[in-house]
Amino acid sequence: MKVELNEFKAKKNGITTPKALVNNLLNHICTSSDVDVVIYITRNKDGEVEIGYSEGRQSEIIGLLEIGKTLTINDILDQ
């Protein structure tokens, strides 16, 4: 019950939690036939970073990560 309360409180405060993000992604994938590749990067509380991706050429994965990096930087600059 505590987890759901934390998720509700975060949503109310405009915070996107990892659980909310993954739920939104899963809902999007289940309702859309347009998704070809999914990439994820996680960092746990110990600082360990992991990456995973669906089938795709490694050069395409790197390109998508670069696009994500550029879009994130643009979001930061727009703030």
PDB file of N, CA and C in Angstrom:
ATOM      1  N   MET A   1       0.817  -1.193   0.000  1.00  0.00           N
ATOM      2  CA  MET A   1       0.000   0.000   0.000  1.00  0.00           C
ATOM      3  C   MET A   1       0.864   1.262   0.000  1.00  0.00           C
ATOM      4  N   LYS A   2       1.997   1.218   0.678  1.00  0.00           N
ATOM      5  CA  LYS A   2       2.875   2.378   0.748  1.00  0.00           C
ATOM      6  C   LYS A   2       3.386   2.766  -0.639  1.00  0.00           C
ATOM      7  N   VAL A   3       3.682   1.783  -1.479  1.00  0.00           N
ATOM      8  CA  VAL A   3       4.195   2.065  -2.813  1.00  0.00           C
ATOM      9  C   VAL A   3       3.164   2.830  -3.631  1.00  0.00           C
ATOM     10  N   GLU A   4       1.893   2.392  -3.587  1.00  0.00           N
ATOM     11  CA  GLU A   4       0.867   3.092  -4.341  1.00  0.00           C
ATOM     12  C   GLU A   4       0.694   4.523  -3.836  1.00  0.00           C
ATOM     13  N   LEU A   5       0.792   4.728  -2.544  1.00  0.00           N
ATOM     14  CA  LEU A   5       0.665   6.067  -1.976  1.00  0.00           C
ATOM     15  C   LEU A   5       1.813   6.951  -2.449  1.00  0.00           C
ATOM     16  N   ASN A   6       3.025   6.400  -2.476  1.00  0.00           N
ATOM     17  CA  ASN A   6       4.177   7.158  -2.970  1.00  0.00           C
ATOM     18  C   ASN A   6       4.010   7.522  -4.445  1.00  0.00           C
ATOM     19  N   GLU A   7       3.488   6.587  -5.244  1.00  0.00           N
ATOM     20  CA  GLU A   7       3.256   6.848  -6.666  1.00  0.00           C
ATOM     21  C   GLU A   7       2.196   7.934  -6.838  1.00  0.00           C
ATOM     22  N   PHE A   8       1.126   7.867  -6.063  1.00  0.00           N
ATOM     23  CA  PHE A   8       0.063   8.874  -6.137  1.00  0.00           C
ATOM     24  C   PHE A   8       0.599  10.252  -5.765  1.00  0.00           C
ATOM     25  N   LYS A   9       1.372  10.308  -4.678  1.00  0.00           N
ATOM     26  CA  LYS A   9       1.936  11.581  -4.217  1.00  0.00           C
ATOM     27  C   LYS A   9       2.881  12.162  -5.270  1.00  0.00           C
ATOM     28  N   ALA A  10       3.714  11.304  -5.863  1.00  0.00           N
ATOM     29  CA  ALA A  10       4.640  11.768  -6.901  1.00  0.00           C
ATOM     30  C   ALA A  10       3.868  12.319  -8.100  1.00  0.00           C
ATOM     31  N   LYS A  11       2.839  11.601  -8.533  1.00  0.00           N
ATOM     32  CA  LYS A  11       2.036  12.064  -9.674  1.00  0.00           C
ATOM     33  C   LYS A  11       1.390  13.409  -9.365  1.00  0.00           C
ATOM     34  N   LYS A  12       0.866  13.544  -8.157  1.00  0.00           N
ATOM     35  CA  LYS A  12       0.228  14.796  -7.737  1.00  0.00           C
ATOM     36  C   LYS A  12       1.213  15.962  -7.786  1.00  0.00           C
ATOM     37  N   ASN A  13       2.487  15.681  -7.465  1.00  0.00           N
ATOM     38  CA  ASN A  13       3.526  16.713  -7.456  1.00  0.00           C
ATOM     39  C   ASN A  13       4.222  16.872  -8.810  1.00  0.00           C
ATOM     40  N   GLY A  14       3.724  16.177  -9.838  1.00  0.00           N
ATOM     41  CA  GLY A  14       4.295  16.306 -11.172  1.00  0.00           C
ATOM     42  C   GLY A  14       5.618  15.584 -11.342  1.00  0.00           C
ATOM     43  N   ILE A  15       5.870  14.569 -10.508  1.00  0.00           N
ATOM     44  CA  ILE A  15       7.112  13.800 -10.570  1.00  0.00           C
ATOM     45  C   ILE A  15       6.847  12.491 -11.300  1.00  0.00           C
ATOM     46  N   THR A  16       7.699  12.169 -12.260  1.00  0.00           N
ATOM     47  CA  THR A  16       7.593  10.900 -12.960  1.00  0.00           C
ATOM     48  C   THR A  16       8.543   9.907 -12.310  1.00  0.00           C
ATOM     49  N   THR A  17       7.987   8.890 -11.682  1.00  0.00           N
ATOM     50  CA  THR A  17       8.801   7.858 -11.042  1.00  0.00           C
ATOM     51  C   THR A  17       9.195   6.804 -12.071  1.00  0.00           C
ATOM     52  N   PRO A  18      10.226   6.013 -11.788  1.00  0.00           N
ATOM     53  CA  PRO A  18      10.579   4.932 -12.708  1.00  0.00           C
ATOM     54  C   PRO A  18       9.392   3.998 -12.981  1.00  0.00           C
ATOM     55  N   LYS A  19       8.633   3.666 -11.949  1.00  0.00           N
ATOM     56  CA  LYS A  19       7.491   2.775 -12.128  1.00  0.00           C
ATOM     57  C   LYS A  19       6.454   3.410 -13.054  1.00  0.00           C
ATOM     58  N   ALA A  20       6.158   4.693 -12.875  1.00  0.00           N
ATOM     59  CA  ALA A  20       5.190   5.381 -13.728  1.00  0.00           C
ATOM     60  C   ALA A  20       5.683   5.438 -15.170  1.00  0.00           C
ATOM     61  N   LEU A  21       6.966   5.688 -15.355  1.00  0.00           N
ATOM     62  CA  LEU A  21       7.533   5.760 -16.695  1.00  0.00           C
ATOM     63  C   LEU A  21       7.407   4.426 -17.415  1.00  0.00           C
ATOM     64  N   VAL A  22       7.752   3.341 -16.724  1.00  0.00           N
ATOM     65  CA  VAL A  22       7.671   2.011 -17.336  1.00  0.00           C
ATOM     66  C   VAL A  22       6.218   1.645 -17.629  1.00  0.00           C
ATOM     67  N   ASN A  23       5.298   1.987 -16.729  1.00  0.00           N
ATOM     68  CA  ASN A  23       3.878   1.720 -16.979  1.00  0.00           C
ATOM     69  C   ASN A  23       3.390   2.479 -18.207  1.00  0.00           C
ATOM     70  N   ASN A  24       3.790   3.753 -18.339  1.00  0.00           N
ATOM     71  CA  ASN A  24       3.408   4.538 -19.520  1.00  0.00           C
ATOM     72  C   ASN A  24       3.981   3.932 -20.790  1.00  0.00           C
ATOM     73  N   LEU A  25       5.229   3.493 -20.733  1.00  0.00           N
ATOM     74  CA  LEU A  25       5.868   2.862 -21.892  1.00  0.00           C
ATOM     75  C   LEU A  25       5.134   1.579 -22.273  1.00  0.00           C
ATOM     76  N   LEU A  26       4.841   0.740 -21.304  1.00  0.00           N
ATOM     77  CA  LEU A  26       4.149  -0.520 -21.567  1.00  0.00           C
ATOM     78  C   LEU A  26       2.766  -0.263 -22.167  1.00  0.00           C
ATOM     79  N   ASN A  27       2.035   0.709 -21.622  1.00  0.00           N
ATOM     80  CA  ASN A  27       0.731   1.060 -22.182  1.00  0.00           C
ATOM     81  C   ASN A  27       0.863   1.533 -23.620  1.00  0.00           C
ATOM     82  N   HIS A  28       1.880   2.344 -23.886  1.00  0.00           N
ATOM     83  CA  HIS A  28       2.097   2.855 -25.247  1.00  0.00           C
ATOM     84  C   HIS A  28       2.407   1.715 -26.213  1.00  0.00           C
ATOM     85  N   ILE A  29       3.275   0.803 -25.799  1.00  0.00           N
ATOM     86  CA  ILE A  29       3.647  -0.318 -26.661  1.00  0.00           C
ATOM     87  C   ILE A  29       2.454  -1.224 -26.926  1.00  0.00           C
ATOM     88  N   CYS A  30       1.629  -1.443 -25.917  1.00  0.00           N
ATOM     89  CA  CYS A  30       0.472  -2.331 -26.061  1.00  0.00           C
ATOM     90  C   CYS A  30      -0.620  -1.734 -26.939  1.00  0.00           C
ATOM     91  N   THR A  31      -0.683  -0.409 -27.035  1.00  0.00           N
ATOM     92  CA  THR A  31      -1.748   0.228 -27.812  1.00  0.00           C
ATOM     93  C   THR A  31      -1.265   0.762 -29.155  1.00  0.00           C
ATOM     94  N   SER A  32       0.016   0.664 -29.431  1.00  0.00           N
ATOM     95  CA  SER A  32       0.568   1.197 -30.671  1.00  0.00           C
ATOM     96  C   SER A  32       1.346   0.104 -31.397  1.00  0.00           C
ATOM     97  N   SER A  33       1.223   0.093 -32.706  1.00  0.00           N
ATOM     98  CA  SER A  33       1.999  -0.871 -33.497  1.00  0.00           C
ATOM     99  C   SER A  33       3.199  -0.189 -34.148  1.00  0.00           C
ATOM    100  N   ASP A  34       3.480   1.041 -33.744  1.00  0.00           N
ATOM    101  CA  ASP A  34       4.541   1.828 -34.371  1.00  0.00           C
ATOM    102  C   ASP A  34       5.919   1.648 -33.734  1.00  0.00           C
ATOM    103  N   VAL A  35       6.016   1.002 -32.583  1.00  0.00           N
ATOM    104  CA  VAL A  35       7.287   0.912 -31.855  1.00  0.00           C
ATOM    105  C   VAL A  35       8.145  -0.204 -32.442  1.00  0.00           C
ATOM    106  N   ASP A  36       9.346   0.155 -32.905  1.00  0.00           N
ATOM    107  CA  ASP A  36      10.270  -0.832 -33.474  1.00  0.00           C
ATOM    108  C   ASP A  36      11.388  -1.203 -32.510  1.00  0.00           C
ATOM    109  N   VAL A  37      11.879  -0.237 -31.752  1.00  0.00           N
ATOM    110  CA  VAL A  37      13.028  -0.463 -30.880  1.00  0.00           C
ATOM    111  C   VAL A  37      12.760   0.203 -29.534  1.00  0.00           C
ATOM    112  N   VAL A  38      13.155  -0.483 -28.465  1.00  0.00           N
ATOM    113  CA  VAL A  38      13.076   0.082 -27.121  1.00  0.00           C
ATOM    114  C   VAL A  38      14.461  -0.007 -26.501  1.00  0.00           C
ATOM    115  N   ILE A  39      14.873   1.087 -25.870  1.00  0.00           N
ATOM    116  CA  ILE A  39      16.164   1.149 -25.179  1.00  0.00           C
ATOM    117  C   ILE A  39      15.891   1.612 -23.757  1.00  0.00           C
ATOM    118  N   TYR A  40      16.583   1.001 -22.799  1.00  0.00           N
ATOM    119  CA  TYR A  40      16.459   1.510 -21.431  1.00  0.00           C
ATOM    120  C   TYR A  40      17.833   1.590 -20.787  1.00  0.00           C
ATOM    121  N   ILE A  41      17.952   2.550 -19.897  1.00  0.00           N
ATOM    122  CA  ILE A  41      19.152   2.704 -19.078  1.00  0.00           C
ATOM    123  C   ILE A  41      18.666   2.893 -17.654  1.00  0.00           C
ATOM    124  N   THR A  42      19.204   2.119 -16.732  1.00  0.00           N
ATOM    125  CA  THR A  42      18.818   2.252 -15.330  1.00  0.00           C
ATOM    126  C   THR A  42      20.051   2.471 -14.471  1.00  0.00           C
ATOM    127  N   ARG A  43      19.830   3.126 -13.334  1.00  0.00           N
ATOM    128  CA  ARG A  43      20.870   3.278 -12.315  1.00  0.00           C
ATOM    129  C   ARG A  43      20.226   2.905 -10.995  1.00  0.00           C
ATOM    130  N   ASN A  44      20.838   1.940 -10.314  1.00  0.00           N
ATOM    131  CA  ASN A  44      20.261   1.537  -9.031  1.00  0.00           C
ATOM    132  C   ASN A  44      20.838   2.403  -7.909  1.00  0.00           C
ATOM    133  N   LYS A  45      20.370   2.148  -6.697  1.00  0.00           N
ATOM    134  CA  LYS A  45      20.782   2.973  -5.556  1.00  0.00           C
ATOM    135  C   LYS A  45      22.264   2.865  -5.247  1.00  0.00           C
ATOM    136  N   ASP A  46      22.907   1.782  -5.690  1.00  0.00           N
ATOM    137  CA  ASP A  46      24.348   1.625  -5.496  1.00  0.00           C
ATOM    138  C   ASP A  46      25.163   2.310  -6.587  1.00  0.00           C
ATOM    139  N   GLY A  47      24.477   2.909  -7.571  1.00  0.00           N
ATOM    140  CA  GLY A  47      25.164   3.598  -8.652  1.00  0.00           C
ATOM    141  C   GLY A  47      25.466   2.731  -9.857  1.00  0.00           C
ATOM    142  N   GLU A  48      25.079   1.469  -9.808  1.00  0.00           N
ATOM    143  CA  GLU A  48      25.331   0.565 -10.935  1.00  0.00           C
ATOM    144  C   GLU A  48      24.392   0.908 -12.088  1.00  0.00           C
ATOM    145  N   VAL A  49      24.966   1.035 -13.288  1.00  0.00           N
ATOM    146  CA  VAL A  49      24.197   1.398 -14.479  1.00  0.00           C
ATOM    147  C   VAL A  49      24.072   0.171 -15.373  1.00  0.00           C
ATOM    148  N   GLU A  50      22.855  -0.033 -15.880  1.00  0.00           N
ATOM    149  CA  GLU A  50      22.606  -1.126 -16.820  1.00  0.00           C
ATOM    150  C   GLU A  50      21.883  -0.567 -18.036  1.00  0.00           C
ATOM    151  N   ILE A  51      22.100  -1.205 -19.175  1.00  0.00           N
ATOM    152  CA  ILE A  51      21.424  -0.817 -20.406  1.00  0.00           C
ATOM    153  C   ILE A  51      20.846  -2.068 -21.043  1.00  0.00           C
ATOM    154  N   GLY A  52      19.726  -1.896 -21.689  1.00  0.00           N
ATOM    155  CA  GLY A  52      19.118  -2.995 -22.421  1.00  0.00           C
ATOM    156  C   GLY A  52      18.403  -2.442 -23.641  1.00  0.00           C
ATOM    157  N   TYR A  53      18.267  -3.265 -24.656  1.00  0.00           N
ATOM    158  CA  TYR A  53      17.572  -2.822 -25.861  1.00  0.00           C
ATOM    159  C   TYR A  53      17.020  -4.019 -26.598  1.00  0.00           C
ATOM    160  N   SER A  54      15.953  -3.751 -27.351  1.00  0.00           N
ATOM    161  CA  SER A  54      15.343  -4.803 -28.158  1.00  0.00           C
ATOM    162  C   SER A  54      16.196  -5.011 -29.406  1.00  0.00           C
ATOM    163  N   GLU A  55      15.760  -5.913 -30.261  1.00  0.00           N
ATOM    164  CA  GLU A  55      16.507  -6.199 -31.484  1.00  0.00           C
ATOM    165  C   GLU A  55      16.712  -4.926 -32.295  1.00  0.00           C
ATOM    166  N   GLY A  56      17.889  -4.802 -32.827  1.00  0.00           N
ATOM    167  CA  GLY A  56      18.224  -3.650 -33.661  1.00  0.00           C
ATOM    168  C   GLY A  56      19.723  -3.641 -33.886  1.00  0.00           C
ATOM    169  N   ARG A  57      20.131  -2.981 -34.946  1.00  0.00           N
ATOM    170  CA  ARG A  57      21.566  -2.875 -35.211  1.00  0.00           C
ATOM    171  C   ARG A  57      22.209  -2.006 -34.138  1.00  0.00           C
ATOM    172  N   GLN A  58      23.406  -2.374 -33.729  1.00  0.00           N
ATOM    173  CA  GLN A  58      24.072  -1.611 -32.676  1.00  0.00           C
ATOM    174  C   GLN A  58      24.318  -0.170 -33.106  1.00  0.00           C
ATOM    175  N   SER A  59      24.580   0.059 -34.378  1.00  0.00           N
ATOM    176  CA  SER A  59      24.767   1.438 -34.850  1.00  0.00           C
ATOM    177  C   SER A  59      23.466   2.227 -34.708  1.00  0.00           C
ATOM    178  N   GLU A  60      22.329   1.577 -34.933  1.00  0.00           N
ATOM    179  CA  GLU A  60      21.036   2.233 -34.762  1.00  0.00           C
ATOM    180  C   GLU A  60      20.792   2.559 -33.286  1.00  0.00           C
ATOM    181  N   ILE A  61      21.154   1.638 -32.402  1.00  0.00           N
ATOM    182  CA  ILE A  61      20.989   1.856 -30.966  1.00  0.00           C
ATOM    183  C   ILE A  61      21.804   3.072 -30.532  1.00  0.00           C
ATOM    184  N   ILE A  62      23.059   3.142 -30.984  1.00  0.00           N
ATOM    185  CA  ILE A  62      23.919   4.276 -30.635  1.00  0.00           C
ATOM    186  C   ILE A  62      23.331   5.576 -31.178  1.00  0.00           C
ATOM    187  N   GLY A  63      22.816   5.552 -32.393  1.00  0.00           N
ATOM    188  CA  GLY A  63      22.202   6.737 -32.979  1.00  0.00           C
ATOM    189  C   GLY A  63      20.985   7.202 -32.190  1.00  0.00           C
ATOM    190  N   LEU A  64      20.156   6.254 -31.766  1.00  0.00           N
ATOM    191  CA  LEU A  64      18.977   6.609 -30.970  1.00  0.00           C
ATOM    192  C   LEU A  64      19.379   7.190 -29.621  1.00  0.00           C
ATOM    193  N   LEU A  65      20.421   6.639 -29.016  1.00  0.00           N
ATOM    194  CA  LEU A  65      20.913   7.195 -27.755  1.00  0.00           C
ATOM    195  C   LEU A  65      21.418   8.629 -27.955  1.00  0.00           C
ATOM    196  N   GLU A  66      22.097   8.878 -29.064  1.00  0.00           N
ATOM    197  CA  GLU A  66      22.577  10.237 -29.358  1.00  0.00           C
ATOM    198  C   GLU A  66      21.408  11.195 -29.566  1.00  0.00           C
ATOM    199  N   ILE A  67      20.349  10.730 -30.252  1.00  0.00           N
ATOM    200  CA  ILE A  67      19.163  11.565 -30.428  1.00  0.00           C
ATOM    201  C   ILE A  67      18.540  11.862 -29.070  1.00  0.00           C
ATOM    202  N   GLY A  68      18.439  10.844 -28.219  1.00  0.00           N
ATOM    203  CA  GLY A  68      17.900  11.046 -26.876  1.00  0.00           C
ATOM    204  C   GLY A  68      18.729  12.039 -26.087  1.00  0.00           C
ATOM    205  N   LYS A  69      20.036  11.941 -26.206  1.00  0.00           N
ATOM    206  CA  LYS A  69      20.935  12.879 -25.523  1.00  0.00           C
ATOM    207  C   LYS A  69      20.693  14.303 -26.007  1.00  0.00           C
ATOM    208  N   THR A  70      20.596  14.489 -27.314  1.00  0.00           N
ATOM    209  CA  THR A  70      20.365  15.814 -27.882  1.00  0.00           C
ATOM    210  C   THR A  70      19.023  16.381 -27.432  1.00  0.00           C
ATOM    211  N   LEU A  71      17.972  15.567 -27.455  1.00  0.00           N
ATOM    212  CA  LEU A  71      16.650  16.035 -27.033  1.00  0.00           C
ATOM    213  C   LEU A  71      16.652  16.416 -25.556  1.00  0.00           C
ATOM    214  N   THR A  72      17.379  15.660 -24.739  1.00  0.00           N
ATOM    215  CA  THR A  72      17.460  15.966 -23.307  1.00  0.00           C
ATOM    216  C   THR A  72      18.193  17.282 -23.085  1.00  0.00           C
ATOM    217  N   ILE A  73      19.283  17.483 -23.799  1.00  0.00           N
ATOM    218  CA  ILE A  73      20.013  18.751 -23.684  1.00  0.00           C
ATOM    219  C   ILE A  73      19.136  19.913 -24.122  1.00  0.00           C
ATOM    220  N   ASN A  74      18.391  19.727 -25.211  1.00  0.00           N
ATOM    221  CA  ASN A  74      17.482  20.793 -25.668  1.00  0.00           C
ATOM    222  C   ASN A  74      16.418  21.097 -24.616  1.00  0.00           C
ATOM    223  N   ASP A  75      15.895  20.073 -23.951  1.00  0.00           N
ATOM    224  CA  ASP A  75      14.919  20.290 -22.874  1.00  0.00           C
ATOM    225  C   ASP A  75      15.539  21.102 -21.737  1.00  0.00           C
ATOM    226  N   ILE A  76      16.781  20.789 -21.396  1.00  0.00           N
ATOM    227  CA  ILE A  76      17.471  21.519 -20.330  1.00  0.00           C
ATOM    228  C   ILE A  76      17.655  22.978 -20.727  1.00  0.00           C
ATOM    229  N   LEU A  77      18.053  23.228 -21.956  1.00  0.00           N
ATOM    230  CA  LEU A  77      18.291  24.593 -22.415  1.00  0.00           C
ATOM    231  C   LEU A  77      17.005  25.395 -22.520  1.00  0.00           C
ATOM    232  N   ASP A  78      15.877  24.728 -22.771  1.00  0.00           N
ATOM    233  CA  ASP A  78      14.591  25.411 -22.881  1.00  0.00           C
ATOM    234  C   ASP A  78      14.018  25.815 -21.527  1.00  0.00           C
ATOM    235  N   GLN A  79      14.543  25.259 -20.460  1.00  0.00           N
ATOM    236  CA  GLN A  79      14.005  25.559 -19.130  1.00  0.00           C
ATOM    237  C   GLN A  79      14.436  26.875 -18.652  1.00  0.00           C
TER     238      GLN A  79
END
